Amino acid sequence: SWDISFFAVAGLMVVSSVLISYISVKGI
């Protein structure tokens, strides 16, 4: 079965990747 925490972990991966991309490119 699927749990809400599964989508939270997947979302955390995506958000973290996008966030660090934003911080890195924004600084440059």
PDB file of all heavy atoms in Angstrom:
ATOM      1  N   SER A   1       0.850  -1.184   0.000  1.00  0.00           N
ATOM      2  CA  SER A   1       0.000   0.000   0.000  1.00  0.00           C
ATOM      3  C   SER A   1       0.886   1.235   0.000  1.00  0.00           C
ATOM      4  O   SER A   1       2.079   1.171   0.319  1.00  0.00           O
ATOM      5  CB  SER A   1      -0.918  -0.015   1.229  1.00  0.00           C
ATOM      6  OG  SER A   1      -1.854   1.037   1.156  1.00  0.00           O
ATOM      7  N   TRP A   2       0.294   2.349  -0.374  1.00  0.00           N
ATOM      8  CA  TRP A   2       1.008   3.617  -0.400  1.00  0.00           C
ATOM      9  C   TRP A   2       0.574   4.466   0.788  1.00  0.00           C
ATOM     10  O   TRP A   2      -0.585   4.419   1.219  1.00  0.00           O
ATOM     11  CB  TRP A   2       0.732   4.370  -1.701  1.00  0.00           C
ATOM     12  CG  TRP A   2       1.532   3.876  -2.858  1.00  0.00           C
ATOM     13  CD1 TRP A   2       2.628   4.462  -3.398  1.00  0.00           C
ATOM     14  CD2 TRP A   2       1.294   2.704  -3.630  1.00  0.00           C
ATOM     15  NE1 TRP A   2       3.109   3.719  -4.454  1.00  0.00           N
ATOM     16  CE2 TRP A   2       2.307   2.627  -4.624  1.00  0.00           C
ATOM     17  CE3 TRP A   2       0.341   1.686  -3.575  1.00  0.00           C
ATOM     18  CZ2 TRP A   2       2.377   1.601  -5.547  1.00  0.00           C
ATOM     19  CZ3 TRP A   2       0.420   0.642  -4.487  1.00  0.00           C
ATOM     20  CH2 TRP A   2       1.426   0.614  -5.463  1.00  0.00           C
ATOM     21  N   ASP A   3       1.508   5.219   1.301  1.00  0.00           N
ATOM     22  CA  ASP A   3       1.244   6.071   2.454  1.00  0.00           C
ATOM     23  C   ASP A   3       1.588   7.508   2.078  1.00  0.00           C
ATOM     24  O   ASP A   3       2.403   7.760   1.178  1.00  0.00           O
ATOM     25  CB  ASP A   3       2.087   5.609   3.647  1.00  0.00           C
ATOM     26  CG  ASP A   3       1.776   6.372   4.913  1.00  0.00           C
ATOM     27  OD1 ASP A   3       0.700   6.141   5.487  1.00  0.00           O
ATOM     28  OD2 ASP A   3       2.605   7.208   5.323  1.00  0.00           O
ATOM     29  N   ILE A   4       0.988   8.450   2.775  1.00  0.00           N
ATOM     30  CA  ILE A   4       1.247   9.861   2.493  1.00  0.00           C
ATOM     31  C   ILE A   4       2.720  10.209   2.664  1.00  0.00           C
ATOM     32  O   ILE A   4       3.253  11.099   1.999  1.00  0.00           O
ATOM     33  CB  ILE A   4       0.362  10.755   3.416  1.00  0.00           C
ATOM     34  CG1 ILE A   4       0.452  12.220   2.990  1.00  0.00           C
ATOM     35  CG2 ILE A   4       0.752  10.573   4.871  1.00  0.00           C
ATOM     36  CD1 ILE A   4      -0.104  12.509   1.628  1.00  0.00           C
ATOM     37  N   SER A   5       3.405   9.457   3.552  1.00  0.00           N
ATOM     38  CA  SER A   5       4.831   9.716   3.770  1.00  0.00           C
ATOM     39  C   SER A   5       5.646   9.411   2.519  1.00  0.00           C
ATOM     40  O   SER A   5       6.703  10.010   2.297  1.00  0.00           O
ATOM     41  CB  SER A   5       5.349   8.891   4.945  1.00  0.00           C
ATOM     42  OG  SER A   5       5.219   7.501   4.686  1.00  0.00           O
ATOM     43  N   PHE A   6       5.179   8.477   1.675  1.00  0.00           N
ATOM     44  CA  PHE A   6       5.892   8.158   0.441  1.00  0.00           C
ATOM     45  C   PHE A   6       5.926   9.378  -0.477  1.00  0.00           C
ATOM     46  O   PHE A   6       6.970   9.723  -1.055  1.00  0.00           O
ATOM     47  CB  PHE A   6       5.222   6.997  -0.291  1.00  0.00           C
ATOM     48  CG  PHE A   6       5.178   5.708   0.478  1.00  0.00           C
ATOM     49  CD1 PHE A   6       4.562   4.588  -0.059  1.00  0.00           C
ATOM     50  CD2 PHE A   6       5.744   5.600   1.734  1.00  0.00           C
ATOM     51  CE1 PHE A   6       4.510   3.397   0.629  1.00  0.00           C
ATOM     52  CE2 PHE A   6       5.703   4.409   2.443  1.00  0.00           C
ATOM     53  CZ  PHE A   6       5.081   3.311   1.888  1.00  0.00           C
ATOM     54  N   PHE A   7       4.783  10.032  -0.607  1.00  0.00           N
ATOM     55  CA  PHE A   7       4.711  11.211  -1.462  1.00  0.00           C
ATOM     56  C   PHE A   7       5.490  12.368  -0.836  1.00  0.00           C
ATOM     57  O   PHE A   7       6.055  13.196  -1.553  1.00  0.00           O
ATOM     58  CB  PHE A   7       3.248  11.604  -1.673  1.00  0.00           C
ATOM     59  CG  PHE A   7       2.435  10.543  -2.368  1.00  0.00           C
ATOM     60  CD1 PHE A   7       1.711   9.609  -1.641  1.00  0.00           C
ATOM     61  CD2 PHE A   7       2.425  10.457  -3.752  1.00  0.00           C
ATOM     62  CE1 PHE A   7       0.973   8.625  -2.270  1.00  0.00           C
ATOM     63  CE2 PHE A   7       1.686   9.475  -4.402  1.00  0.00           C
ATOM     64  CZ  PHE A   7       0.963   8.550  -3.657  1.00  0.00           C
ATOM     65  N   ALA A   8       5.527  12.396   0.502  1.00  0.00           N
ATOM     66  CA  ALA A   8       6.294  13.441   1.185  1.00  0.00           C
ATOM     67  C   ALA A   8       7.783  13.282   0.907  1.00  0.00           C
ATOM     68  O   ALA A   8       8.494  14.265   0.668  1.00  0.00           O
ATOM     69  CB  ALA A   8       6.020  13.392   2.689  1.00  0.00           C
ATOM     70  N   VAL A   9       8.282  12.041   0.938  1.00  0.00           N
ATOM     71  CA  VAL A   9       9.695  11.785   0.659  1.00  0.00           C
ATOM     72  C   VAL A   9      10.022  12.126  -0.790  1.00  0.00           C
ATOM     73  O   VAL A   9      11.052  12.761  -1.075  1.00  0.00           O
ATOM     74  CB  VAL A   9      10.041  10.310   0.964  1.00  0.00           C
ATOM     75  CG1 VAL A   9      11.420   9.959   0.418  1.00  0.00           C
ATOM     76  CG2 VAL A   9      10.000  10.057   2.465  1.00  0.00           C
ATOM     77  N   ALA A  10       9.154  11.696  -1.714  1.00  0.00           N
ATOM     78  CA  ALA A  10       9.372  12.030  -3.124  1.00  0.00           C
ATOM     79  C   ALA A  10       9.359  13.547  -3.323  1.00  0.00           C
ATOM     80  O   ALA A  10      10.206  14.108  -4.040  1.00  0.00           O
ATOM     81  CB  ALA A  10       8.298  11.373  -3.986  1.00  0.00           C
ATOM     82  N   GLY A  11       8.388  14.217  -2.666  1.00  0.00           N
ATOM     83  CA  GLY A  11       8.331  15.675  -2.761  1.00  0.00           C
ATOM     84  C   GLY A  11       9.561  16.334  -2.167  1.00  0.00           C
ATOM     85  O   GLY A  11      10.058  17.344  -2.692  1.00  0.00           O
ATOM     86  N   LEU A  12      10.077  15.767  -1.082  1.00  0.00           N
ATOM     87  CA  LEU A  12      11.283  16.315  -0.444  1.00  0.00           C
ATOM     88  C   LEU A  12      12.474  16.239  -1.386  1.00  0.00           C
ATOM     89  O   LEU A  12      13.286  17.182  -1.453  1.00  0.00           O
ATOM     90  CB  LEU A  12      11.577  15.536   0.843  1.00  0.00           C
ATOM     91  CG  LEU A  12      12.795  15.985   1.653  1.00  0.00           C
ATOM     92  CD1 LEU A  12      12.614  17.411   2.157  1.00  0.00           C
ATOM     93  CD2 LEU A  12      13.034  15.025   2.824  1.00  0.00           C
ATOM     94  N   MET A  13      12.584  15.136  -2.115  1.00  0.00           N
ATOM     95  CA  MET A  13      13.668  14.992  -3.086  1.00  0.00           C
ATOM     96  C   MET A  13      13.587  16.085  -4.158  1.00  0.00           C
ATOM     97  O   MET A  13      14.582  16.739  -4.488  1.00  0.00           O
ATOM     98  CB  MET A  13      13.588  13.610  -3.755  1.00  0.00           C
ATOM     99  CG  MET A  13      13.982  12.461  -2.863  1.00  0.00           C
ATOM    100  SD  MET A  13      15.759  12.422  -2.578  1.00  0.00           S
ATOM    101  CE  MET A  13      15.879  10.944  -1.568  1.00  0.00           C
ATOM    102  N   VAL A  14      12.387  16.273  -4.687  1.00  0.00           N
ATOM    103  CA  VAL A  14      12.207  17.248  -5.767  1.00  0.00           C
ATOM    104  C   VAL A  14      12.419  18.665  -5.249  1.00  0.00           C
ATOM    105  O   VAL A  14      13.148  19.465  -5.856  1.00  0.00           O
ATOM    106  CB  VAL A  14      10.806  17.099  -6.395  1.00  0.00           C
ATOM    107  CG1 VAL A  14      10.580  18.177  -7.450  1.00  0.00           C
ATOM    108  CG2 VAL A  14      10.627  15.711  -6.994  1.00  0.00           C
ATOM    109  N   VAL A  15      11.780  18.988  -4.128  1.00  0.00           N
ATOM    110  CA  VAL A  15      11.890  20.345  -3.574  1.00  0.00           C
ATOM    111  C   VAL A  15      13.332  20.669  -3.212  1.00  0.00           C
ATOM    112  O   VAL A  15      13.821  21.778  -3.478  1.00  0.00           O
ATOM    113  CB  VAL A  15      10.969  20.492  -2.341  1.00  0.00           C
ATOM    114  CG1 VAL A  15      11.254  21.799  -1.617  1.00  0.00           C
ATOM    115  CG2 VAL A  15       9.504  20.427  -2.756  1.00  0.00           C
ATOM    116  N   SER A  16      14.035  19.711  -2.604  1.00  0.00           N
ATOM    117  CA  SER A  16      15.424  19.947  -2.210  1.00  0.00           C
ATOM    118  C   SER A  16      16.300  20.181  -3.431  1.00  0.00           C
ATOM    119  O   SER A  16      17.173  21.065  -3.432  1.00  0.00           O
ATOM    120  CB  SER A  16      15.956  18.758  -1.408  1.00  0.00           C
ATOM    121  OG  SER A  16      15.218  18.580  -0.229  1.00  0.00           O
ATOM    122  N   SER A  17      16.074  19.388  -4.464  1.00  0.00           N
ATOM    123  CA  SER A  17      16.862  19.544  -5.687  1.00  0.00           C
ATOM    124  C   SER A  17      16.610  20.905  -6.333  1.00  0.00           C
ATOM    125  O   SER A  17      17.547  21.599  -6.754  1.00  0.00           O
ATOM    126  CB  SER A  17      16.518  18.425  -6.666  1.00  0.00           C
ATOM    127  OG  SER A  17      17.246  18.553  -7.856  1.00  0.00           O
ATOM    128  N   VAL A  18      15.331  21.287  -6.392  1.00  0.00           N
ATOM    129  CA  VAL A  18      14.985  22.583  -6.990  1.00  0.00           C
ATOM    130  C   VAL A  18      15.510  23.726  -6.132  1.00  0.00           C
ATOM    131  O   VAL A  18      16.038  24.719  -6.645  1.00  0.00           O
ATOM    132  CB  VAL A  18      13.459  22.691  -7.166  1.00  0.00           C
ATOM    133  CG1 VAL A  18      13.062  24.105  -7.582  1.00  0.00           C
ATOM    134  CG2 VAL A  18      12.975  21.683  -8.202  1.00  0.00           C
ATOM    135  N   LEU A  19      15.377  23.592  -4.820  1.00  0.00           N
ATOM    136  CA  LEU A  19      15.813  24.658  -3.915  1.00  0.00           C
ATOM    137  C   LEU A  19      17.315  24.884  -3.997  1.00  0.00           C
ATOM    138  O   LEU A  19      17.773  26.036  -4.071  1.00  0.00           O
ATOM    139  CB  LEU A  19      15.411  24.310  -2.475  1.00  0.00           C
ATOM    140  CG  LEU A  19      15.747  25.366  -1.408  1.00  0.00           C
ATOM    141  CD1 LEU A  19      15.023  26.678  -1.719  1.00  0.00           C
ATOM    142  CD2 LEU A  19      15.372  24.860  -0.017  1.00  0.00           C
ATOM    143  N   ILE A  20      18.107  23.806  -3.965  1.00  0.00           N
ATOM    144  CA  ILE A  20      19.559  23.971  -4.031  1.00  0.00           C
ATOM    145  C   ILE A  20      19.969  24.488  -5.409  1.00  0.00           C
ATOM    146  O   ILE A  20      20.937  25.245  -5.542  1.00  0.00           O
ATOM    147  CB  ILE A  20      20.282  22.647  -3.697  1.00  0.00           C
ATOM    148  CG1 ILE A  20      21.743  22.922  -3.353  1.00  0.00           C
ATOM    149  CG2 ILE A  20      20.191  21.651  -4.829  1.00  0.00           C
ATOM    150  CD1 ILE A  20      21.946  23.736  -2.097  1.00  0.00           C
ATOM    151  N   SER A  21      19.207  24.098  -6.451  1.00  0.00           N
ATOM    152  CA  SER A  21      19.484  24.635  -7.794  1.00  0.00           C
ATOM    153  C   SER A  21      19.255  26.144  -7.801  1.00  0.00           C
ATOM    154  O   SER A  21      20.055  26.902  -8.361  1.00  0.00           O
ATOM    155  CB  SER A  21      18.585  23.960  -8.834  1.00  0.00           C
ATOM    156  OG  SER A  21      18.798  22.569  -8.863  1.00  0.00           O
ATOM    157  N   TYR A  22      18.156  26.556  -7.180  1.00  0.00           N
ATOM    158  CA  TYR A  22      17.839  27.982  -7.136  1.00  0.00           C
ATOM    159  C   TYR A  22      18.912  28.768  -6.383  1.00  0.00           C
ATOM    160  O   TYR A  22      19.382  29.812  -6.858  1.00  0.00           O
ATOM    161  CB  TYR A  22      16.478  28.188  -6.470  1.00  0.00           C
ATOM    162  CG  TYR A  22      16.118  29.646  -6.267  1.00  0.00           C
ATOM    163  CD1 TYR A  22      15.639  30.407  -7.323  1.00  0.00           C
ATOM    164  CD2 TYR A  22      16.294  30.253  -5.027  1.00  0.00           C
ATOM    165  CE1 TYR A  22      15.324  31.744  -7.145  1.00  0.00           C
ATOM    166  CE2 TYR A  22      15.989  31.581  -4.833  1.00  0.00           C
ATOM    167  CZ  TYR A  22      15.499  32.328  -5.896  1.00  0.00           C
ATOM    168  OH  TYR A  22      15.204  33.658  -5.717  1.00  0.00           O
ATOM    169  N   ILE A  23      19.299  28.253  -5.215  1.00  0.00           N
ATOM    170  CA  ILE A  23      20.304  28.957  -4.405  1.00  0.00           C
ATOM    171  C   ILE A  23      21.621  29.055  -5.166  1.00  0.00           C
ATOM    172  O   ILE A  23      22.278  30.115  -5.175  1.00  0.00           O
ATOM    173  CB  ILE A  23      20.509  28.230  -3.059  1.00  0.00           C
ATOM    174  CG1 ILE A  23      19.231  28.328  -2.216  1.00  0.00           C
ATOM    175  CG2 ILE A  23      21.688  28.821  -2.299  1.00  0.00           C
ATOM    176  CD1 ILE A  23      19.271  27.499  -0.949  1.00  0.00           C
ATOM    177  N   SER A  24      22.011  27.974  -5.826  1.00  0.00           N
ATOM    178  CA  SER A  24      23.297  27.946  -6.532  1.00  0.00           C
ATOM    179  C   SER A  24      23.307  28.899  -7.719  1.00  0.00           C
ATOM    180  O   SER A  24      24.233  29.698  -7.895  1.00  0.00           O
ATOM    181  CB  SER A  24      23.604  26.521  -7.000  1.00  0.00           C
ATOM    182  OG  SER A  24      23.673  25.642  -5.907  1.00  0.00           O
ATOM    183  N   VAL A  25      22.257  28.810  -8.549  1.00  0.00           N
ATOM    184  CA  VAL A  25      22.244  29.638  -9.754  1.00  0.00           C
ATOM    185  C   VAL A  25      21.966  31.098  -9.423  1.00  0.00           C
ATOM    186  O   VAL A  25      22.463  32.015 -10.096  1.00  0.00           O
ATOM    187  CB  VAL A  25      21.227  29.085 -10.772  1.00  0.00           C
ATOM    188  CG1 VAL A  25      19.797  29.348 -10.347  1.00  0.00           C
ATOM    189  CG2 VAL A  25      21.470  29.671 -12.161  1.00  0.00           C
ATOM    190  N   LYS A  26      21.189  31.346  -8.375  1.00  0.00           N
ATOM    191  CA  LYS A  26      20.886  32.723  -7.984  1.00  0.00           C
ATOM    192  C   LYS A  26      22.153  33.444  -7.550  1.00  0.00           C
ATOM    193  O   LYS A  26      22.379  34.616  -7.886  1.00  0.00           O
ATOM    194  CB  LYS A  26      19.879  32.718  -6.829  1.00  0.00           C
ATOM    195  CG  LYS A  26      19.388  34.115  -6.413  1.00  0.00           C
ATOM    196  CD  LYS A  26      18.465  34.694  -7.456  1.00  0.00           C
ATOM    197  CE  LYS A  26      17.700  35.901  -6.916  1.00  0.00           C
ATOM    198  NZ  LYS A  26      18.540  36.996  -6.433  1.00  0.00           N
ATOM    199  N   GLY A  27      23.004  32.724  -6.791  1.00  0.00           N
ATOM    200  CA  GLY A  27      24.245  33.341  -6.329  1.00  0.00           C
ATOM    201  C   GLY A  27      25.151  33.725  -7.479  1.00  0.00           C
ATOM    202  O   GLY A  27      25.848  34.747  -7.422  1.00  0.00           O
ATOM    203  N   ILE A  28      25.143  32.895  -8.543  1.00  0.00           N
ATOM    204  CA  ILE A  28      25.993  33.189  -9.697  1.00  0.00           C
ATOM    205  C   ILE A  28      25.364  34.263 -10.581  1.00  0.00           C
ATOM    206  O   ILE A  28      26.038  35.184 -11.058  1.00  0.00           O
ATOM    207  CB  ILE A  28      26.244  31.903 -10.508  1.00  0.00           C
ATOM    208  CG1 ILE A  28      26.970  30.869  -9.642  1.00  0.00           C
ATOM    209  CG2 ILE A  28      27.058  32.204 -11.767  1.00  0.00           C
ATOM    210  CD1 ILE A  28      27.118  29.516 -10.304  1.00  0.00           C
TER     211      ILE A  28
END
